[in-house]
Amino acid sequence: MPIAVLVVEDEALVRFDIADYLAENGFEVHEAASADQALKILEAVPEIRLLFTDIDMPGSMDGLKLSAAVRERWPPVRIIVTSGNRIAATADLPPGSLFVAKPYVPADIARSMQGLLTGGAV
Protein backbone atom coordinates (compact mmCIF):
# COMPACT_ATOMS: atom_id res chain seq x y z
CA MET A 1 0.00 0.00 0.00
CA PRO A 2 1.49 3.38 -0.98
CA ILE A 3 2.39 5.92 1.68
CA ALA A 4 -0.02 8.87 1.72
CA VAL A 5 1.60 12.31 1.47
CA LEU A 6 0.02 15.77 1.62
CA VAL A 7 1.81 18.44 -0.42
CA VAL A 8 0.85 21.99 0.59
CA GLU A 9 2.10 24.67 -1.80
CA ASP A 10 0.30 27.76 -3.10
CA GLU A 11 2.39 27.97 -6.29
CA ALA A 12 0.60 25.53 -8.57
CA LEU A 13 3.54 24.64 -10.84
CA VAL A 14 5.82 23.94 -7.88
CA ARG A 15 3.09 21.81 -6.26
CA PHE A 16 2.38 19.88 -9.46
CA ASP A 17 6.09 19.20 -10.00
CA ILE A 18 6.78 17.65 -6.60
CA ALA A 19 3.38 15.91 -6.49
CA ASP A 20 4.01 14.28 -9.87
CA TYR A 21 7.50 13.17 -8.85
CA LEU A 22 6.26 11.64 -5.60
CA ALA A 23 3.35 9.89 -7.35
CA GLU A 24 5.73 8.46 -9.96
CA ASN A 25 7.85 7.13 -7.10
CA GLY A 26 5.11 5.21 -5.34
CA PHE A 27 3.54 7.74 -2.98
CA GLU A 28 -0.21 8.39 -2.78
CA VAL A 29 -0.24 12.19 -3.15
CA HIS A 30 -2.87 14.63 -1.92
CA GLU A 31 -2.51 18.31 -2.77
CA ALA A 32 -3.56 21.55 -1.07
CA ALA A 33 -2.98 25.19 -2.01
CA SER A 34 -3.38 26.52 1.55
CA ALA A 35 -3.17 25.46 5.17
CA ASP A 36 -6.95 25.68 5.50
CA GLN A 37 -7.40 23.26 2.60
CA ALA A 38 -4.68 21.01 4.06
CA LEU A 39 -6.48 20.70 7.39
CA LYS A 40 -9.69 19.65 5.62
CA ILE A 41 -7.78 16.98 3.69
CA LEU A 42 -6.08 15.71 6.86
CA GLU A 43 -9.48 15.38 8.54
CA ALA A 44 -10.89 13.52 5.53
CA VAL A 45 -7.90 11.25 4.82
CA PRO A 46 -6.60 9.71 8.07
CA GLU A 47 -4.08 7.58 6.13
CA ILE A 48 -1.78 10.59 5.49
CA ARG A 49 1.62 9.92 7.04
CA LEU A 50 3.70 12.80 5.62
CA LEU A 51 3.21 16.55 5.29
CA PHE A 52 5.37 18.54 2.88
CA THR A 53 4.55 22.22 3.23
CA ASP A 54 5.78 25.58 2.06
CA ILE A 55 6.06 28.26 4.76
CA ASP A 56 4.69 31.29 2.90
CA MET A 57 1.06 30.77 1.89
CA PRO A 58 -2.15 32.77 1.84
CA GLY A 59 -4.93 32.03 4.30
CA SER A 60 -5.36 31.85 8.04
CA MET A 61 -1.94 30.31 8.77
CA ASP A 62 1.47 29.81 7.23
CA GLY A 63 3.33 26.52 6.90
CA LEU A 64 4.99 26.81 10.31
CA LYS A 65 1.64 27.25 12.07
CA LEU A 66 0.22 24.42 9.96
CA SER A 67 3.12 22.19 11.01
CA ALA A 68 2.50 22.96 14.68
CA ALA A 69 -1.23 22.24 14.28
CA VAL A 70 -0.51 18.95 12.51
CA ARG A 71 1.97 17.86 15.19
CA GLU A 72 -0.65 18.61 17.87
CA ARG A 73 -3.65 16.96 16.16
CA TRP A 74 -1.92 14.19 14.19
CA PRO A 75 1.29 13.32 16.09
CA PRO A 76 2.25 10.35 13.84
CA VAL A 77 2.41 12.55 10.71
CA ARG A 78 6.00 13.28 9.68
CA ILE A 79 6.70 16.85 8.51
CA ILE A 80 9.02 18.50 6.02
CA VAL A 81 8.89 22.29 5.71
CA THR A 82 10.29 24.22 2.76
CA SER A 83 10.80 27.85 1.72
CA GLY A 84 12.64 29.87 -0.86
CA ASN A 85 12.30 33.09 1.14
CA ARG A 86 13.57 32.21 4.59
CA ILE A 87 15.36 29.56 6.60
CA ALA A 88 13.41 27.95 9.43
CA ALA A 89 15.44 27.31 12.54
CA THR A 90 15.07 23.96 14.28
CA ALA A 91 13.37 25.80 17.16
CA ASP A 92 10.68 27.04 14.72
CA LEU A 93 9.77 23.49 13.66
CA PRO A 94 7.82 20.82 15.53
CA PRO A 95 10.06 18.14 17.05
CA GLY A 96 11.22 15.56 14.52
CA SER A 97 10.52 17.79 11.51
CA LEU A 98 12.90 18.77 8.73
CA PHE A 99 13.51 22.00 6.85
CA VAL A 100 14.58 21.94 3.18
CA ALA A 101 15.46 25.17 1.36
CA LYS A 102 14.13 25.87 -2.15
CA PRO A 103 15.10 25.15 -4.78
CA TYR A 104 15.18 21.49 -3.81
CA VAL A 105 15.75 18.31 -5.79
CA PRO A 106 12.58 16.15 -5.79
CA ALA A 107 14.65 12.99 -5.33
CA ASP A 108 16.12 14.47 -2.14
CA ILE A 109 12.61 15.15 -0.82
CA ALA A 110 11.54 11.56 -1.53
CA ARG A 111 14.69 10.25 0.24
CA SER A 112 14.02 12.53 3.22
CA MET A 113 10.45 11.26 3.41
CA GLN A 114 11.62 7.65 3.40
CA GLY A 115 14.16 8.49 6.10
CA LEU A 116 11.55 10.12 8.32
CA LEU A 117 9.24 7.13 7.94
CA THR A 118 11.90 4.56 8.76
CA GLY A 119 13.42 6.63 11.56
CA GLY A 120 16.78 6.56 9.85
CA ALA A 121 19.06 9.38 8.79
CA VAL A 122 17.67 11.91 6.37
C-alpha atoms as a PDB file:
ATOM      1  CA  MET A   1       0.000   0.000   0.000  1.00  0.00           C
ATOM      2  CA  PRO A   2       1.489   3.382  -0.980  1.00  0.00           C
ATOM      3  CA  ILE A   3       2.388   5.924   1.682  1.00  0.00           C
ATOM      4  CA  ALA A   4      -0.023   8.873   1.717  1.00  0.00           C
ATOM      5  CA  VAL A   5       1.598  12.308   1.472  1.00  0.00           C
ATOM      6  CA  LEU A   6       0.023  15.766   1.624  1.00  0.00           C
ATOM      7  CA  VAL A   7       1.808  18.442  -0.424  1.00  0.00           C
ATOM      8  CA  VAL A   8       0.853  21.987   0.589  1.00  0.00           C
ATOM      9  CA  GLU A   9       2.098  24.666  -1.804  1.00  0.00           C
ATOM     10  CA  ASP A  10       0.297  27.756  -3.100  1.00  0.00           C
ATOM     11  CA  GLU A  11       2.391  27.971  -6.285  1.00  0.00           C
ATOM     12  CA  ALA A  12       0.601  25.527  -8.573  1.00  0.00           C
ATOM     13  CA  LEU A  13       3.540  24.639 -10.842  1.00  0.00           C
ATOM     14  CA  VAL A  14       5.821  23.945  -7.884  1.00  0.00           C
ATOM     15  CA  ARG A  15       3.090  21.808  -6.256  1.00  0.00           C
ATOM     16  CA  PHE A  16       2.383  19.879  -9.461  1.00  0.00           C
ATOM     17  CA  ASP A  17       6.087  19.199 -10.001  1.00  0.00           C
ATOM     18  CA  ILE A  18       6.780  17.650  -6.600  1.00  0.00           C
ATOM     19  CA  ALA A  19       3.381  15.908  -6.485  1.00  0.00           C
ATOM     20  CA  ASP A  20       4.013  14.280  -9.874  1.00  0.00           C
ATOM     21  CA  TYR A  21       7.501  13.173  -8.848  1.00  0.00           C
ATOM     22  CA  LEU A  22       6.261  11.643  -5.601  1.00  0.00           C
ATOM     23  CA  ALA A  23       3.349   9.891  -7.352  1.00  0.00           C
ATOM     24  CA  GLU A  24       5.727   8.463  -9.965  1.00  0.00           C
ATOM     25  CA  ASN A  25       7.850   7.133  -7.100  1.00  0.00           C
ATOM     26  CA  GLY A  26       5.114   5.206  -5.341  1.00  0.00           C
ATOM     27  CA  PHE A  27       3.540   7.738  -2.984  1.00  0.00           C
ATOM     28  CA  GLU A  28      -0.206   8.395  -2.778  1.00  0.00           C
ATOM     29  CA  VAL A  29      -0.244  12.185  -3.147  1.00  0.00           C
ATOM     30  CA  HIS A  30      -2.872  14.634  -1.916  1.00  0.00           C
ATOM     31  CA  GLU A  31      -2.513  18.313  -2.765  1.00  0.00           C
ATOM     32  CA  ALA A  32      -3.557  21.549  -1.071  1.00  0.00           C
ATOM     33  CA  ALA A  33      -2.980  25.192  -2.007  1.00  0.00           C
ATOM     34  CA  SER A  34      -3.385  26.522   1.551  1.00  0.00           C
ATOM     35  CA  ALA A  35      -3.170  25.455   5.174  1.00  0.00           C
ATOM     36  CA  ASP A  36      -6.950  25.675   5.499  1.00  0.00           C
ATOM     37  CA  GLN A  37      -7.401  23.260   2.601  1.00  0.00           C
ATOM     38  CA  ALA A  38      -4.680  21.010   4.057  1.00  0.00           C
ATOM     39  CA  LEU A  39      -6.484  20.696   7.390  1.00  0.00           C
ATOM     40  CA  LYS A  40      -9.688  19.654   5.618  1.00  0.00           C
ATOM     41  CA  ILE A  41      -7.783  16.982   3.689  1.00  0.00           C
ATOM     42  CA  LEU A  42      -6.080  15.713   6.858  1.00  0.00           C
ATOM     43  CA  GLU A  43      -9.476  15.382   8.543  1.00  0.00           C
ATOM     44  CA  ALA A  44     -10.894  13.516   5.527  1.00  0.00           C
ATOM     45  CA  VAL A  45      -7.898  11.251   4.819  1.00  0.00           C
ATOM     46  CA  PRO A  46      -6.598   9.705   8.069  1.00  0.00           C
ATOM     47  CA  GLU A  47      -4.076   7.583   6.134  1.00  0.00           C
ATOM     48  CA  ILE A  48      -1.781  10.586   5.489  1.00  0.00           C
ATOM     49  CA  ARG A  49       1.624   9.924   7.041  1.00  0.00           C
ATOM     50  CA  LEU A  50       3.705  12.798   5.621  1.00  0.00           C
ATOM     51  CA  LEU A  51       3.208  16.549   5.293  1.00  0.00           C
ATOM     52  CA  PHE A  52       5.374  18.536   2.879  1.00  0.00           C
ATOM     53  CA  THR A  53       4.550  22.222   3.234  1.00  0.00           C
ATOM     54  CA  ASP A  54       5.785  25.582   2.062  1.00  0.00           C
ATOM     55  CA  ILE A  55       6.057  28.261   4.757  1.00  0.00           C
ATOM     56  CA  ASP A  56       4.692  31.288   2.899  1.00  0.00           C
ATOM     57  CA  MET A  57       1.064  30.772   1.893  1.00  0.00           C
ATOM     58  CA  PRO A  58      -2.147  32.770   1.842  1.00  0.00           C
ATOM     59  CA  GLY A  59      -4.931  32.035   4.300  1.00  0.00           C
ATOM     60  CA  SER A  60      -5.365  31.849   8.040  1.00  0.00           C
ATOM     61  CA  MET A  61      -1.942  30.312   8.768  1.00  0.00           C
ATOM     62  CA  ASP A  62       1.471  29.808   7.228  1.00  0.00           C
ATOM     63  CA  GLY A  63       3.333  26.521   6.899  1.00  0.00           C
ATOM     64  CA  LEU A  64       4.988  26.807  10.309  1.00  0.00           C
ATOM     65  CA  LYS A  65       1.640  27.249  12.067  1.00  0.00           C
ATOM     66  CA  LEU A  66       0.219  24.418   9.956  1.00  0.00           C
ATOM     67  CA  SER A  67       3.124  22.191  11.014  1.00  0.00           C
ATOM     68  CA  ALA A  68       2.499  22.962  14.683  1.00  0.00           C
ATOM     69  CA  ALA A  69      -1.230  22.237  14.279  1.00  0.00           C
ATOM     70  CA  VAL A  70      -0.513  18.948  12.507  1.00  0.00           C
ATOM     71  CA  ARG A  71       1.967  17.864  15.191  1.00  0.00           C
ATOM     72  CA  GLU A  72      -0.646  18.606  17.870  1.00  0.00           C
ATOM     73  CA  ARG A  73      -3.649  16.963  16.158  1.00  0.00           C
ATOM     74  CA  TRP A  74      -1.921  14.191  14.187  1.00  0.00           C
ATOM     75  CA  PRO A  75       1.295  13.317  16.088  1.00  0.00           C
ATOM     76  CA  PRO A  76       2.250  10.345  13.840  1.00  0.00           C
ATOM     77  CA  VAL A  77       2.414  12.548  10.710  1.00  0.00           C
ATOM     78  CA  ARG A  78       6.002  13.281   9.678  1.00  0.00           C
ATOM     79  CA  ILE A  79       6.697  16.850   8.514  1.00  0.00           C
ATOM     80  CA  ILE A  80       9.021  18.499   6.016  1.00  0.00           C
ATOM     81  CA  VAL A  81       8.888  22.294   5.714  1.00  0.00           C
ATOM     82  CA  THR A  82      10.294  24.225   2.757  1.00  0.00           C
ATOM     83  CA  SER A  83      10.800  27.845   1.723  1.00  0.00           C
ATOM     84  CA  GLY A  84      12.640  29.868  -0.856  1.00  0.00           C
ATOM     85  CA  ASN A  85      12.301  33.089   1.143  1.00  0.00           C
ATOM     86  CA  ARG A  86      13.567  32.205   4.588  1.00  0.00           C
ATOM     87  CA  ILE A  87      15.361  29.562   6.603  1.00  0.00           C
ATOM     88  CA  ALA A  88      13.408  27.948   9.426  1.00  0.00           C
ATOM     89  CA  ALA A  89      15.445  27.308  12.541  1.00  0.00           C
ATOM     90  CA  THR A  90      15.069  23.964  14.278  1.00  0.00           C
ATOM     91  CA  ALA A  91      13.372  25.803  17.157  1.00  0.00           C
ATOM     92  CA  ASP A  92      10.682  27.041  14.718  1.00  0.00           C
ATOM     93  CA  LEU A  93       9.775  23.489  13.664  1.00  0.00           C
ATOM     94  CA  PRO A  94       7.823  20.821  15.526  1.00  0.00           C
ATOM     95  CA  PRO A  95      10.063  18.141  17.053  1.00  0.00           C
ATOM     96  CA  GLY A  96      11.222  15.563  14.524  1.00  0.00           C
ATOM     97  CA  SER A  97      10.524  17.792  11.510  1.00  0.00           C
ATOM     98  CA  LEU A  98      12.901  18.766   8.728  1.00  0.00           C
ATOM     99  CA  PHE A  99      13.511  22.004   6.848  1.00  0.00           C
ATOM    100  CA  VAL A 100      14.583  21.940   3.178  1.00  0.00           C
ATOM    101  CA  ALA A 101      15.455  25.166   1.357  1.00  0.00           C
ATOM    102  CA  LYS A 102      14.132  25.866  -2.145  1.00  0.00           C
ATOM    103  CA  PRO A 103      15.104  25.146  -4.776  1.00  0.00           C
ATOM    104  CA  TYR A 104      15.183  21.492  -3.809  1.00  0.00           C
ATOM    105  CA  VAL A 105      15.750  18.313  -5.792  1.00  0.00           C
ATOM    106  CA  PRO A 106      12.582  16.147  -5.795  1.00  0.00           C
ATOM    107  CA  ALA A 107      14.648  12.988  -5.332  1.00  0.00           C
ATOM    108  CA  ASP A 108      16.124  14.469  -2.140  1.00  0.00           C
ATOM    109  CA  ILE A 109      12.606  15.154  -0.825  1.00  0.00           C
ATOM    110  CA  ALA A 110      11.545  11.563  -1.532  1.00  0.00           C
ATOM    111  CA  ARG A 111      14.685  10.249   0.244  1.00  0.00           C
ATOM    112  CA  SER A 112      14.024  12.528   3.222  1.00  0.00           C
ATOM    113  CA  MET A 113      10.452  11.256   3.412  1.00  0.00           C
ATOM    114  CA  GLN A 114      11.618   7.647   3.403  1.00  0.00           C
ATOM    115  CA  GLY A 115      14.160   8.486   6.100  1.00  0.00           C
ATOM    116  CA  LEU A 116      11.546  10.121   8.321  1.00  0.00           C
ATOM    117  CA  LEU A 117       9.235   7.128   7.939  1.00  0.00           C
ATOM    118  CA  THR A 118      11.898   4.556   8.763  1.00  0.00           C
ATOM    119  CA  GLY A 119      13.418   6.626  11.564  1.00  0.00           C
ATOM    120  CA  GLY A 120      16.784   6.565   9.850  1.00  0.00           C
ATOM    121  CA  ALA A 121      19.057   9.379   8.792  1.00  0.00           C
ATOM    122  CA  VAL A 122      17.666  11.909   6.366  1.00  0.00           C
END
